[in-house]
Each structure stands twice: as C-alpha cells, then as structure tokens.
Amino acid sequence: MSAVTVPAEAPERRLYWAIADCLTVVRNELVHIARQPSMLAWQLGFPIVSVLLFVYVFGSAMDVGGSVDYKDYALPGMFAMTMAQGFMNTATIVAFTRQLGVMDRYRSMPMAPSAVVGGRGVADVLGASLDLAVLASIALVVGWRPPGGVPRILAAFALLLLLRFAMTWVGVYLGLLVPNAEAAGNLFAVALPFGIVSSVFTPPSMMPQWLGTVAMWNPVSSTANAIRDLFGEPAPHGGSWIETHALPMAMVWPLVITAIFLPLAVRRFQALGR
C-alpha cells in the first residue's frame, strides 16, 4: 500500500489565511475594547491629566531656554511618551487574555502564530490612532497651534504611530512573559522612568551630564525631537549627534525595537504550554 502524499499548500494560500486570521484577531480585540470602556478611559486618562497638569499647573514655571513656549515644547513630548508607554496596556491585555484561556484557544486552532501576534499589533495601532486623535483635540483646546504644514504634521503623527507599533511587540513579549495581569500592572515602574528620563518635559542638556546622556539616547527623545521639528516647533538642545539626527533616529529606533522584540514575541507565543 503506497503512502498518500498531501500536497503542500501554496505560499499565496498560506499568506491569505495568515491575513484572514490576523483580521479575525483584530476584530476580536476591537470588540473587547468596545465592551470594556473603563480600560479605554484609563488608557486615555493619564495623558490627558498630564496635559492639563503641565500646561496649567507647571507650565508657567517651566523654562526650556530661548523663546520656546513650554506648552509647544511639552505637548509633542507627551504625544511621544503616550505612544511609548502604550506597551503597558498591550502587556496587560495580553496577560489578561492569556489568563482567560483565549491564547490556549488560539493555539488549539489551525492559525499562524504570526497572525495572533500581528493581530494584536494592528489592533494596538488602531487604538493608538484614537489616543492621538483625543490628545491632539485636547492640545488644540488648550491653545496648541503647530505652525508646520499639513504634510509635515501628518508625517509627525506617522512617526508617533511607528513608535507605538514598535512598542507593541515589547508589550506582547512582556505580556506573555509575566504570570498574570496583576504582574503586568507592575510594569508601570519600568514605563515611568522610560518616559520621564527623556526630552519629553526637559531638554537633556539641562540635566546632570550622565542623566542627560541617558535621556538623549532614549528612543522617546528621538521621536519627541523629530516631531517637534516637523510640527515647526524645534526644541533647544545641546547639539549632540543623536539630537541633530533626531529624524532618522526616530525611524531607526522603532525598526531596531521591532527587529528584537517581534521575533521574541512570536517565539514566546509558540513556547506557551510546553
């Protein structure tokens, strides 16, 4: 009796099913967000409170040098910080989903591992677009008026979403690594200095030298400085190489982060339950 050989599925069919699985995951994630408005409120609450705090409470006492208005300096930084710290939400959702057994359900189905992880990434970018829309609206309400043209402003928002897209993989990896959603909440202790020790609120040149060096090379600083330039509100800086090349580095850092954490996230998903 001769063995039956099952023909391998064509690459284009595998790609089709990977995309279809990815879209299914995206739809499930968006439905989950719609049914959990408290989670969305928490996700938007912190940056909105930060905008109001630094514009109306601290803004009048802050001086970043030159004739730069602190509101115009801090608001783009807050946009970048919000995108960078979004990995906490990703990690919490992934850990919670794993606790509910949804990940096990996905793994028991004939789905591409990259579709599950990729779906999470696409859903996060869509959520981040909503975050940015709300933040920009709040910024306009408090008087922020970027002088850059529309193409440059759109390029700035594209850079912000690129950073959020890269940080998604950090969140997915950590969410699969921690034991539960409560442990994922403790990542705030990591995310807070990651956002604060940067050029978000203060130029690194005004910090102690060792701390300023750390802040200059923080990926959040590159994105914040790049979008300030694109918005038409260039920030004063110390003239270091990393600061004068903020725009290319705002594209390089997300690519580096993605190259490291996307494979780690997929590998961690495949290793669940072993």
Protein backbone atom coordinates (compact mmCIF):
# COMPACT_ATOMS: atom_id res chain seq x y z
CA MET A 1 0.00 0.00 0.00
CA SER A 2 1.51 3.24 -1.09
CA ALA A 3 1.56 6.27 1.22
CA VAL A 4 -0.70 9.22 0.38
CA THR A 5 1.18 12.45 -0.10
CA VAL A 6 -0.69 15.58 0.96
CA PRO A 7 0.22 18.43 -1.38
CA ALA A 8 1.79 21.40 0.35
CA GLU A 9 -0.38 24.48 0.46
CA ALA A 10 0.70 27.15 -1.98
CA PRO A 11 2.52 30.15 -0.41
CA GLU A 12 -0.16 32.55 -1.59
CA ARG A 13 -2.83 30.48 0.17
CA ARG A 14 -0.81 30.46 3.39
CA LEU A 15 -0.44 34.24 3.13
CA TYR A 16 -4.18 34.60 2.54
CA TRP A 17 -5.07 32.57 5.60
CA ALA A 18 -2.46 34.37 7.73
CA ILE A 19 -4.01 37.73 6.79
CA ALA A 20 -7.54 36.40 7.34
CA ASP A 21 -6.57 35.05 10.78
CA CYS A 22 -4.91 38.36 11.61
CA LEU A 23 -8.07 40.31 10.72
CA THR A 24 -10.14 37.94 12.86
CA VAL A 25 -7.90 38.63 15.84
CA VAL A 26 -8.10 42.38 15.18
CA ARG A 27 -11.90 42.23 15.11
CA ASN A 28 -11.99 40.28 18.38
CA GLU A 29 -9.64 42.76 20.05
CA LEU A 30 -11.70 45.76 18.93
CA VAL A 31 -14.89 44.15 20.18
CA HIS A 32 -13.16 43.51 23.50
CA ILE A 33 -12.15 47.18 23.77
CA ALA A 34 -15.67 48.34 22.90
CA ARG A 35 -17.06 46.14 25.69
CA GLN A 36 -14.51 47.42 28.22
CA PRO A 37 -14.88 51.25 28.12
CA SER A 38 -13.22 51.53 31.55
CA MET A 39 -9.99 50.20 30.05
CA LEU A 40 -10.09 52.84 27.31
CA ALA A 41 -10.84 55.54 29.88
CA TRP A 42 -7.81 54.51 31.92
CA GLN A 43 -5.64 54.38 28.80
CA LEU A 44 -6.57 57.97 27.91
CA GLY A 45 -6.88 59.34 31.43
CA PHE A 46 -3.20 59.57 32.34
CA PRO A 47 -2.01 61.50 29.25
CA ILE A 48 -4.99 63.86 29.40
CA VAL A 49 -4.32 64.62 33.07
CA SER A 50 -0.63 65.10 32.21
CA VAL A 51 -1.52 67.64 29.52
CA LEU A 52 -3.69 69.63 31.90
CA LEU A 53 -1.11 69.36 34.70
CA PHE A 54 1.90 70.52 32.69
CA VAL A 55 0.05 73.23 30.79
CA TYR A 56 -1.94 74.82 33.60
CA VAL A 57 -0.07 73.86 36.80
CA PHE A 58 3.63 73.59 35.93
CA GLY A 59 3.71 75.32 32.56
CA SER A 60 4.07 78.89 33.83
CA ALA A 61 7.07 77.91 36.00
CA MET A 62 8.97 75.95 33.32
CA ASP A 63 11.66 77.46 31.08
CA VAL A 64 13.36 75.33 28.44
CA GLY A 65 15.53 78.13 27.11
CA GLY A 66 15.26 80.51 24.18
CA SER A 67 11.87 81.90 23.31
CA VAL A 68 10.18 78.48 23.20
CA ASP A 69 6.77 78.36 24.83
CA TYR A 70 6.69 75.46 27.27
CA LYS A 71 3.30 74.30 26.02
CA ASP A 72 4.69 73.95 22.49
CA TYR A 73 7.69 72.08 23.89
CA ALA A 74 5.86 69.70 26.23
CA LEU A 75 2.82 68.70 24.16
CA PRO A 76 4.75 66.92 21.37
CA GLY A 77 6.77 65.21 24.10
CA MET A 78 3.59 63.99 25.75
CA PHE A 79 2.41 62.59 22.43
CA ALA A 80 5.66 60.60 22.17
CA MET A 81 5.50 59.47 25.80
CA THR A 82 1.93 58.26 25.38
CA MET A 83 2.91 56.17 22.38
CA ALA A 84 5.97 54.74 24.14
CA GLN A 85 4.17 53.86 27.36
CA GLY A 86 1.36 52.15 25.46
CA PHE A 87 3.28 48.91 25.81
CA MET A 88 1.89 48.65 29.36
CA ASN A 89 -1.66 48.43 28.04
CA THR A 90 -0.58 45.86 25.49
CA ALA A 91 1.15 43.75 28.14
CA THR A 92 -1.85 43.94 30.49
CA ILE A 93 -4.34 42.96 27.78
CA VAL A 94 -2.15 40.10 26.56
CA ALA A 95 -1.64 38.78 30.10
CA PHE A 96 -5.37 39.08 30.86
CA THR A 97 -6.26 37.33 27.61
CA ARG A 98 -3.88 34.52 28.46
CA GLN A 99 -5.42 34.21 31.93
CA LEU A 100 -8.87 33.77 30.36
CA GLY A 101 -7.57 30.92 28.20
CA VAL A 102 -8.10 32.76 24.92
CA MET A 103 -4.45 32.24 23.96
CA ASP A 104 -4.84 28.48 24.52
CA ARG A 105 -7.91 28.57 22.30
CA TYR A 106 -5.94 30.33 19.57
CA ARG A 107 -3.11 27.81 19.90
CA SER A 108 -5.52 24.89 19.55
CA MET A 109 -6.77 26.25 16.24
CA PRO A 110 -5.00 25.98 12.88
CA MET A 111 -3.84 29.58 12.98
CA ALA A 112 -0.47 31.06 12.08
CA PRO A 113 1.34 32.19 15.28
CA SER A 114 2.30 35.38 13.49
CA ALA A 115 -1.42 36.11 12.88
CA VAL A 116 -2.21 36.17 16.60
CA VAL A 117 0.74 38.42 17.44
CA GLY A 118 0.26 40.54 14.30
CA GLY A 119 -3.45 40.99 15.05
CA ARG A 120 -2.55 42.36 18.45
CA GLY A 121 -0.18 44.83 16.79
CA VAL A 122 -2.73 46.07 14.26
CA ALA A 123 -5.40 46.45 16.97
CA ASP A 124 -2.97 48.44 19.11
CA VAL A 125 -2.10 50.82 16.27
CA LEU A 126 -5.81 51.43 15.65
CA GLY A 127 -6.27 52.12 19.35
CA ALA A 128 -3.22 54.40 19.35
CA SER A 129 -4.73 56.40 16.46
CA LEU A 130 -7.75 57.06 18.65
CA ASP A 131 -5.45 58.05 21.54
CA LEU A 132 -3.64 60.53 19.32
CA ALA A 133 -6.88 61.99 18.00
CA VAL A 134 -8.12 62.59 21.54
CA LEU A 135 -4.78 64.03 22.70
CA ALA A 136 -4.49 66.34 19.69
CA SER A 137 -8.04 67.55 20.34
CA ILE A 138 -7.19 68.30 23.97
CA ALA A 139 -4.00 70.07 22.85
CA LEU A 140 -5.95 72.24 20.41
CA VAL A 141 -8.42 73.11 23.16
CA VAL A 142 -5.58 74.35 25.42
CA GLY A 143 -4.19 76.52 22.64
CA TRP A 144 -1.63 74.39 20.81
CA ARG A 145 -1.27 75.52 17.19
CA PRO A 146 1.59 73.78 15.32
CA PRO A 147 2.90 76.08 12.57
CA GLY A 148 4.12 73.23 10.35
CA GLY A 149 2.19 72.44 7.19
CA VAL A 150 -0.29 69.59 6.90
CA PRO A 151 2.16 67.14 5.22
CA ARG A 152 4.74 67.67 7.99
CA ILE A 153 2.10 67.31 10.70
CA LEU A 154 0.86 64.06 9.15
CA ALA A 155 4.49 62.85 8.98
CA ALA A 156 4.86 63.62 12.68
CA PHE A 157 1.80 61.54 13.55
CA ALA A 158 3.11 58.74 11.33
CA LEU A 159 6.34 58.74 13.35
CA LEU A 160 4.33 58.54 16.56
CA LEU A 161 2.38 55.54 15.28
CA LEU A 162 5.63 53.93 14.14
CA LEU A 163 6.96 54.19 17.71
CA ARG A 164 3.70 52.76 19.09
CA PHE A 165 3.81 49.92 16.56
CA ALA A 166 7.35 49.03 17.69
CA MET A 167 6.49 49.21 21.38
CA THR A 168 3.56 46.85 20.77
CA TRP A 169 6.00 43.96 20.40
CA VAL A 170 7.63 44.88 23.72
CA GLY A 171 4.19 44.74 25.31
CA VAL A 172 3.24 41.45 23.66
CA TYR A 173 6.51 39.84 24.73
CA LEU A 174 6.26 41.07 28.33
CA GLY A 175 2.55 40.18 28.49
CA LEU A 176 3.39 36.61 27.52
CA LEU A 177 6.31 36.58 29.97
CA VAL A 178 4.62 37.77 33.17
CA PRO A 179 2.47 35.28 35.14
CA ASN A 180 -0.76 37.32 35.22
CA ALA A 181 -2.40 40.69 34.55
CA GLU A 182 -1.62 41.93 38.08
CA ALA A 183 2.09 41.43 37.43
CA ALA A 184 1.75 43.25 34.12
CA GLY A 185 0.45 46.25 36.03
CA ASN A 186 3.78 46.45 37.84
CA LEU A 187 5.44 47.33 34.52
CA PHE A 188 4.45 50.91 35.30
CA ALA A 189 7.63 51.05 37.41
CA VAL A 190 9.61 50.47 34.20
CA ALA A 191 7.48 52.60 31.89
CA LEU A 192 7.50 55.74 34.03
CA PRO A 193 11.28 56.39 34.03
CA PHE A 194 11.40 55.28 30.37
CA GLY A 195 9.11 58.19 29.55
CA ILE A 196 10.37 60.71 32.08
CA VAL A 197 14.15 60.32 31.54
CA SER A 198 13.96 61.78 28.05
CA SER A 199 13.43 65.11 26.34
CA VAL A 200 9.67 64.92 26.91
CA PHE A 201 9.48 67.52 29.68
CA THR A 202 13.01 68.97 29.88
CA PRO A 203 15.93 69.23 27.42
CA PRO A 204 18.63 66.68 28.33
CA SER A 205 21.21 69.50 28.17
CA MET A 206 19.63 70.89 31.38
CA MET A 207 20.10 67.59 33.25
CA PRO A 208 23.26 66.30 35.00
CA GLN A 209 25.64 65.05 32.32
CA TRP A 210 25.24 61.32 32.96
CA LEU A 211 21.46 61.56 33.13
CA GLY A 212 21.35 63.84 30.11
CA THR A 213 23.30 61.27 28.08
CA VAL A 214 20.80 58.56 29.01
CA ALA A 215 17.92 60.89 28.11
CA MET A 216 19.46 61.86 24.74
CA TRP A 217 19.74 58.20 23.67
CA ASN A 218 16.27 57.31 24.85
CA PRO A 219 14.21 56.40 21.74
CA VAL A 220 11.38 58.54 23.11
CA SER A 221 13.67 61.60 22.88
CA SER A 222 14.42 60.98 19.20
CA THR A 223 10.73 60.77 18.33
CA ALA A 224 9.86 63.79 20.51
CA ASN A 225 12.61 65.95 18.96
CA ALA A 226 11.77 64.81 15.42
CA ILE A 227 8.08 65.60 15.69
CA ARG A 228 8.84 69.00 17.26
CA ASP A 229 10.81 69.82 14.12
CA LEU A 230 8.01 68.52 11.89
CA PHE A 231 5.39 70.47 13.84
CA GLY A 232 7.51 73.59 13.26
CA GLU A 233 8.49 73.91 16.93
CA PRO A 234 12.18 72.91 17.01
CA ALA A 235 13.43 72.31 20.54
CA PRO A 236 16.63 73.74 22.03
CA HIS A 237 19.26 71.05 22.54
CA GLY A 238 22.94 70.61 23.29
CA GLY A 239 23.98 69.82 19.71
CA SER A 240 24.93 66.16 20.27
CA TRP A 241 24.97 63.76 17.32
CA ILE A 242 21.84 61.93 18.45
CA GLU A 243 19.93 65.19 18.83
CA THR A 244 20.96 66.64 15.47
CA HIS A 245 19.93 63.38 13.76
CA ALA A 246 16.60 63.07 15.54
CA LEU A 247 14.51 62.49 12.40
CA PRO A 248 16.45 59.49 11.01
CA MET A 249 16.85 58.07 14.52
CA ALA A 250 13.09 58.37 15.07
CA MET A 251 12.79 55.83 12.23
CA VAL A 252 15.80 53.69 13.17
CA TRP A 253 14.87 53.13 16.84
CA PRO A 254 11.42 51.60 16.08
CA LEU A 255 12.97 49.33 13.47
CA VAL A 256 15.58 48.15 15.97
CA ILE A 257 12.96 47.56 18.67
CA THR A 258 10.76 45.65 16.21
CA ALA A 259 13.69 43.54 14.97
CA ILE A 260 14.43 42.48 18.54
CA PHE A 261 11.02 42.05 20.14
CA LEU A 262 8.80 40.81 17.29
CA PRO A 263 10.72 37.52 16.92
CA LEU A 264 10.87 37.22 20.72
CA ALA A 265 7.09 37.69 20.96
CA VAL A 266 6.34 35.10 18.27
CA ARG A 267 8.78 32.63 19.82
CA ARG A 268 7.28 33.16 23.28
CA PHE A 269 3.77 32.58 21.90
CA GLN A 270 4.91 29.35 20.26
CA ALA A 271 6.53 28.22 23.53
CA LEU A 272 3.36 28.65 25.64
CA GLY A 273 2.29 25.41 27.26
CA ARG A 274 5.48 23.49 26.56
